Amino acid sequence: MKGFEIQINGGAPIVIAAEHYAFALLGCVNGEEQGRLTLMGGNLTERFTWWNGALENGDKIRVRVVETECPSVPILVRKRSWEDLYERYEKLKIELRKLGRIE
């Protein structure tokens, strides 16, 4: 599967990948969590966090697209039930109806 190899300040590479549906979120937010980087991914029923920490000015992050069958072990796995997914789906439908995006 395709994934991302991410290296922070020359440290050991972290390989982010998930079966079926995967994404990587690299965010540096402003405000209370300013300078924080979170490496996340997931599929329909699980969310994975591989790294979550503070960044400083001048830090170096290297990202490479890789083919992998063995991603890094996440530091956090959150399971989601199908009931939770269905509840989110129903809430989204209500919101989209209010916005006139669906009937």
N, C-alpha and C. Protein backbone atom coordinates (compact mmCIF):
# COMPACT_ATOMS: atom_id res chain seq x y z
N MET A 1 0.84 -1.17 0.00
CA MET A 1 0.00 0.00 0.00
C MET A 1 0.88 1.23 0.00
N LYS A 2 0.36 2.33 -0.50
CA LYS A 2 1.10 3.59 -0.49
C LYS A 2 0.98 4.22 0.89
N GLY A 3 2.01 4.91 1.28
CA GLY A 3 2.01 5.61 2.55
C GLY A 3 3.02 6.73 2.54
N PHE A 4 3.26 7.31 3.69
CA PHE A 4 4.23 8.39 3.82
C PHE A 4 5.30 8.00 4.83
N GLU A 5 6.53 8.24 4.46
CA GLU A 5 7.65 8.10 5.39
C GLU A 5 8.00 9.50 5.85
N ILE A 6 7.94 9.74 7.14
CA ILE A 6 8.15 11.08 7.68
C ILE A 6 9.30 11.03 8.68
N GLN A 7 10.24 11.93 8.48
CA GLN A 7 11.40 12.01 9.36
C GLN A 7 11.45 13.41 9.96
N ILE A 8 11.53 13.48 11.27
CA ILE A 8 11.52 14.76 11.99
C ILE A 8 12.91 15.00 12.58
N ASN A 9 13.54 16.07 12.14
CA ASN A 9 14.87 16.46 12.63
C ASN A 9 15.89 15.33 12.54
N GLY A 10 15.84 14.56 11.46
CA GLY A 10 16.81 13.50 11.24
C GLY A 10 16.61 12.26 12.09
N GLY A 11 15.49 12.19 12.82
CA GLY A 11 15.21 11.03 13.67
C GLY A 11 14.81 9.81 12.86
N ALA A 12 14.46 8.75 13.55
CA ALA A 12 14.02 7.51 12.89
C ALA A 12 12.77 7.79 12.06
N PRO A 13 12.70 7.26 10.83
CA PRO A 13 11.52 7.49 9.99
C PRO A 13 10.26 6.85 10.59
N ILE A 14 9.14 7.54 10.41
CA ILE A 14 7.83 7.03 10.80
C ILE A 14 7.07 6.78 9.51
N VAL A 15 6.56 5.55 9.33
CA VAL A 15 5.84 5.20 8.11
C VAL A 15 4.35 5.17 8.42
N ILE A 16 3.59 6.05 7.77
CA ILE A 16 2.16 6.18 7.97
C ILE A 16 1.44 5.52 6.80
N ALA A 17 0.59 4.54 7.10
CA ALA A 17 -0.23 3.88 6.07
C ALA A 17 -1.33 3.09 6.76
N ALA A 18 -2.46 2.90 6.05
CA ALA A 18 -3.58 2.10 6.57
C ALA A 18 -4.28 1.42 5.41
N GLU A 19 -4.80 0.23 5.63
CA GLU A 19 -5.52 -0.51 4.60
C GLU A 19 -6.83 0.18 4.25
N HIS A 20 -7.25 0.05 3.02
CA HIS A 20 -8.55 0.47 2.50
C HIS A 20 -8.71 1.97 2.36
N TYR A 21 -8.47 2.73 3.38
CA TYR A 21 -8.62 4.18 3.32
C TYR A 21 -7.57 4.78 4.24
N ALA A 22 -6.77 5.65 3.70
CA ALA A 22 -5.71 6.22 4.53
C ALA A 22 -5.60 7.71 4.27
N PHE A 23 -5.20 8.43 5.27
CA PHE A 23 -4.91 9.84 5.12
C PHE A 23 -3.80 10.20 6.09
N ALA A 24 -3.15 11.27 5.82
CA ALA A 24 -2.15 11.78 6.74
C ALA A 24 -2.46 13.23 7.01
N LEU A 25 -2.49 13.60 8.25
CA LEU A 25 -2.78 14.98 8.65
C LEU A 25 -1.53 15.53 9.31
N LEU A 26 -0.95 16.49 8.67
CA LEU A 26 0.20 17.18 9.25
C LEU A 26 -0.27 18.59 9.49
N GLY A 27 -0.44 18.96 10.73
CA GLY A 27 -0.97 20.27 11.00
C GLY A 27 -0.13 21.03 12.00
N CYS A 28 0.10 22.28 11.69
CA CYS A 28 0.77 23.16 12.63
C CYS A 28 -0.23 24.25 12.93
N VAL A 29 -0.87 24.18 14.08
CA VAL A 29 -1.97 25.09 14.40
C VAL A 29 -1.48 26.30 15.18
N ASN A 30 -2.27 27.34 15.15
CA ASN A 30 -1.97 28.54 15.93
C ASN A 30 -2.92 28.58 17.13
N GLY A 31 -2.59 29.35 18.10
CA GLY A 31 -3.42 29.43 19.30
C GLY A 31 -2.78 28.67 20.43
N GLU A 32 -3.61 28.02 21.25
CA GLU A 32 -3.12 27.32 22.43
C GLU A 32 -2.15 26.19 22.08
N GLU A 33 -2.40 25.50 21.00
CA GLU A 33 -1.55 24.37 20.61
C GLU A 33 -0.53 24.78 19.55
N GLN A 34 -0.12 26.01 19.55
CA GLN A 34 0.78 26.53 18.52
C GLN A 34 2.04 25.69 18.42
N GLY A 35 2.42 25.42 17.17
CA GLY A 35 3.65 24.69 16.92
C GLY A 35 3.55 23.20 17.17
N ARG A 36 2.36 22.63 17.15
CA ARG A 36 2.18 21.21 17.40
C ARG A 36 2.01 20.49 16.07
N LEU A 37 2.62 19.33 15.95
CA LEU A 37 2.50 18.51 14.75
C LEU A 37 1.90 17.17 15.15
N THR A 38 0.86 16.74 14.44
CA THR A 38 0.23 15.45 14.70
C THR A 38 0.24 14.65 13.42
N LEU A 39 0.74 13.43 13.48
CA LEU A 39 0.73 12.53 12.34
C LEU A 39 -0.35 11.50 12.58
N MET A 40 -1.42 11.55 11.76
CA MET A 40 -2.57 10.68 11.95
C MET A 40 -2.93 9.98 10.65
N GLY A 41 -3.74 8.95 10.77
CA GLY A 41 -4.26 8.24 9.62
C GLY A 41 -5.41 7.39 10.06
N GLY A 42 -6.02 6.67 9.13
CA GLY A 42 -7.12 5.84 9.56
C GLY A 42 -7.80 5.10 8.45
N ASN A 43 -8.77 4.32 8.85
CA ASN A 43 -9.68 3.67 7.91
C ASN A 43 -11.08 3.89 8.47
N LEU A 44 -12.06 3.19 7.98
CA LEU A 44 -13.43 3.46 8.41
C LEU A 44 -13.68 3.23 9.89
N THR A 45 -13.01 2.26 10.49
CA THR A 45 -13.34 1.91 11.87
C THR A 45 -12.24 2.20 12.89
N GLU A 46 -11.09 2.68 12.43
CA GLU A 46 -10.00 2.97 13.36
C GLU A 46 -9.30 4.27 12.98
N ARG A 47 -8.82 4.95 14.00
CA ARG A 47 -7.98 6.14 13.80
C ARG A 47 -6.65 5.88 14.49
N PHE A 48 -5.57 6.20 13.80
CA PHE A 48 -4.23 5.94 14.31
C PHE A 48 -3.49 7.26 14.51
N THR A 49 -2.71 7.34 15.58
CA THR A 49 -1.80 8.47 15.78
C THR A 49 -0.40 7.89 15.90
N TRP A 50 0.50 8.36 15.04
CA TRP A 50 1.87 7.87 15.06
C TRP A 50 2.82 8.80 15.81
N TRP A 51 2.50 10.10 15.82
CA TRP A 51 3.39 11.06 16.48
C TRP A 51 2.58 12.30 16.82
N ASN A 52 2.84 12.88 17.97
CA ASN A 52 2.15 14.08 18.38
C ASN A 52 3.10 14.86 19.27
N GLY A 53 3.58 15.98 18.80
CA GLY A 53 4.54 16.72 19.60
C GLY A 53 4.69 18.16 19.16
N ALA A 54 5.49 18.88 19.89
CA ALA A 54 5.70 20.31 19.63
C ALA A 54 6.84 20.49 18.63
N LEU A 55 6.71 21.53 17.83
CA LEU A 55 7.75 21.91 16.88
C LEU A 55 8.36 23.23 17.28
N GLU A 56 9.58 23.43 16.88
CA GLU A 56 10.28 24.69 17.11
C GLU A 56 10.66 25.28 15.76
N ASN A 57 10.85 26.59 15.70
CA ASN A 57 11.34 27.21 14.47
C ASN A 57 12.64 26.55 14.05
N GLY A 58 12.76 26.26 12.78
CA GLY A 58 13.97 25.64 12.25
C GLY A 58 13.94 24.12 12.22
N ASP A 59 12.94 23.49 12.86
CA ASP A 59 12.83 22.03 12.77
C ASP A 59 12.67 21.61 11.32
N LYS A 60 13.17 20.43 10.99
CA LYS A 60 13.10 19.93 9.62
C LYS A 60 12.25 18.67 9.56
N ILE A 61 11.30 18.68 8.63
CA ILE A 61 10.42 17.53 8.42
C ILE A 61 10.58 17.08 6.97
N ARG A 62 10.93 15.82 6.78
CA ARG A 62 11.10 15.26 5.45
C ARG A 62 9.96 14.27 5.21
N VAL A 63 9.27 14.41 4.08
CA VAL A 63 8.15 13.53 3.73
C VAL A 63 8.46 12.87 2.40
N ARG A 64 8.30 11.54 2.36
CA ARG A 64 8.49 10.76 1.14
C ARG A 64 7.31 9.84 0.95
N VAL A 65 6.82 9.70 -0.28
CA VAL A 65 5.79 8.71 -0.59
C VAL A 65 6.49 7.37 -0.76
N VAL A 66 5.97 6.33 -0.07
CA VAL A 66 6.59 5.02 -0.12
C VAL A 66 5.54 3.93 -0.33
N GLU A 67 5.98 2.80 -0.79
CA GLU A 67 5.17 1.59 -0.86
C GLU A 67 5.55 0.75 0.35
N THR A 68 4.56 0.34 1.15
CA THR A 68 4.87 -0.40 2.37
C THR A 68 3.78 -1.42 2.68
N GLU A 69 4.16 -2.49 3.27
CA GLU A 69 3.21 -3.46 3.83
C GLU A 69 3.35 -3.51 5.35
N CYS A 70 4.26 -2.68 5.87
CA CYS A 70 4.53 -2.71 7.30
C CYS A 70 4.70 -1.28 7.85
N PRO A 71 3.57 -0.57 8.07
CA PRO A 71 3.70 0.77 8.63
C PRO A 71 4.22 0.73 10.07
N SER A 72 4.67 1.88 10.53
CA SER A 72 5.12 1.99 11.92
C SER A 72 3.96 1.70 12.87
N VAL A 73 4.29 1.23 14.05
CA VAL A 73 3.28 0.93 15.07
C VAL A 73 2.78 2.25 15.63
N PRO A 74 1.45 2.48 15.60
CA PRO A 74 0.91 3.74 16.14
C PRO A 74 1.08 3.83 17.65
N ILE A 75 1.15 5.08 18.16
CA ILE A 75 1.21 5.27 19.60
C ILE A 75 -0.20 5.28 20.20
N LEU A 76 -1.23 5.47 19.34
CA LEU A 76 -2.61 5.48 19.81
C LEU A 76 -3.52 4.94 18.70
N VAL A 77 -4.44 4.04 19.08
CA VAL A 77 -5.44 3.52 18.15
C VAL A 77 -6.81 3.74 18.78
N ARG A 78 -7.68 4.44 18.06
CA ARG A 78 -9.05 4.65 18.53
C ARG A 78 -10.00 3.89 17.64
N LYS A 79 -10.78 2.99 18.23
CA LYS A 79 -11.76 2.19 17.48
C LYS A 79 -13.07 2.96 17.39
N ARG A 80 -13.77 2.79 16.27
CA ARG A 80 -15.09 3.37 16.08
C ARG A 80 -16.04 2.27 15.65
N SER A 81 -17.19 2.21 16.30
CA SER A 81 -18.18 1.19 15.96
C SER A 81 -18.99 1.64 14.76
N TRP A 82 -19.65 0.69 14.12
CA TRP A 82 -20.53 1.02 13.01
C TRP A 82 -21.69 1.88 13.49
N GLU A 83 -22.11 1.70 14.72
CA GLU A 83 -23.17 2.54 15.27
C GLU A 83 -22.72 4.01 15.34
N ASP A 84 -21.48 4.24 15.75
CA ASP A 84 -20.94 5.60 15.79
C ASP A 84 -20.90 6.21 14.39
N LEU A 85 -20.47 5.41 13.43
CA LEU A 85 -20.40 5.89 12.04
C LEU A 85 -21.79 6.24 11.53
N TYR A 86 -22.78 5.40 11.84
CA TYR A 86 -24.14 5.66 11.39
C TYR A 86 -24.69 6.93 12.04
N GLU A 87 -24.39 7.14 13.31
CA GLU A 87 -24.83 8.34 14.01
C GLU A 87 -24.22 9.59 13.36
N ARG A 88 -22.94 9.53 13.03
CA ARG A 88 -22.29 10.65 12.35
C ARG A 88 -22.92 10.91 10.99
N TYR A 89 -23.25 9.83 10.29
CA TYR A 89 -23.89 9.93 8.98
C TYR A 89 -25.24 10.64 9.09
N GLU A 90 -26.05 10.27 10.08
CA GLU A 90 -27.37 10.88 10.25
C GLU A 90 -27.25 12.36 10.61
N LYS A 91 -26.29 12.72 11.45
CA LYS A 91 -26.07 14.13 11.81
C LYS A 91 -25.63 14.93 10.59
N LEU A 92 -24.78 14.34 9.77
CA LEU A 92 -24.32 15.01 8.57
C LEU A 92 -25.47 15.24 7.59
N LYS A 93 -26.36 14.26 7.45
CA LYS A 93 -27.52 14.43 6.58
C LYS A 93 -28.38 15.61 7.03
N ILE A 94 -28.62 15.73 8.33
CA ILE A 94 -29.42 16.84 8.86
C ILE A 94 -28.75 18.17 8.53
N GLU A 95 -27.45 18.24 8.76
CA GLU A 95 -26.73 19.48 8.49
C GLU A 95 -26.75 19.84 7.00
N LEU A 96 -26.57 18.85 6.14
CA LEU A 96 -26.59 19.10 4.70
C LEU A 96 -27.97 19.54 4.22
N ARG A 97 -29.01 19.01 4.83
CA ARG A 97 -30.39 19.44 4.49
C ARG A 97 -30.59 20.91 4.89
N LYS A 98 -30.10 21.28 6.08
CA LYS A 98 -30.22 22.67 6.53
C LYS A 98 -29.50 23.64 5.57
N LEU A 99 -28.40 23.18 5.03
CA LEU A 99 -27.61 24.00 4.10
C LEU A 99 -28.15 23.96 2.67
N GLY A 100 -29.16 23.11 2.45
CA GLY A 100 -29.74 22.98 1.11
C GLY A 100 -28.87 22.21 0.14
N ARG A 101 -27.96 21.41 0.64
CA ARG A 101 -27.05 20.64 -0.23
C ARG A 101 -27.65 19.32 -0.67
N ILE A 102 -28.60 18.78 0.12
CA ILE A 102 -29.32 17.57 -0.25
C ILE A 102 -30.79 17.76 0.12
N GLU A 103 -31.63 16.90 -0.44
CA GLU A 103 -33.08 16.96 -0.14
C GLU A 103 -33.44 15.94 0.89
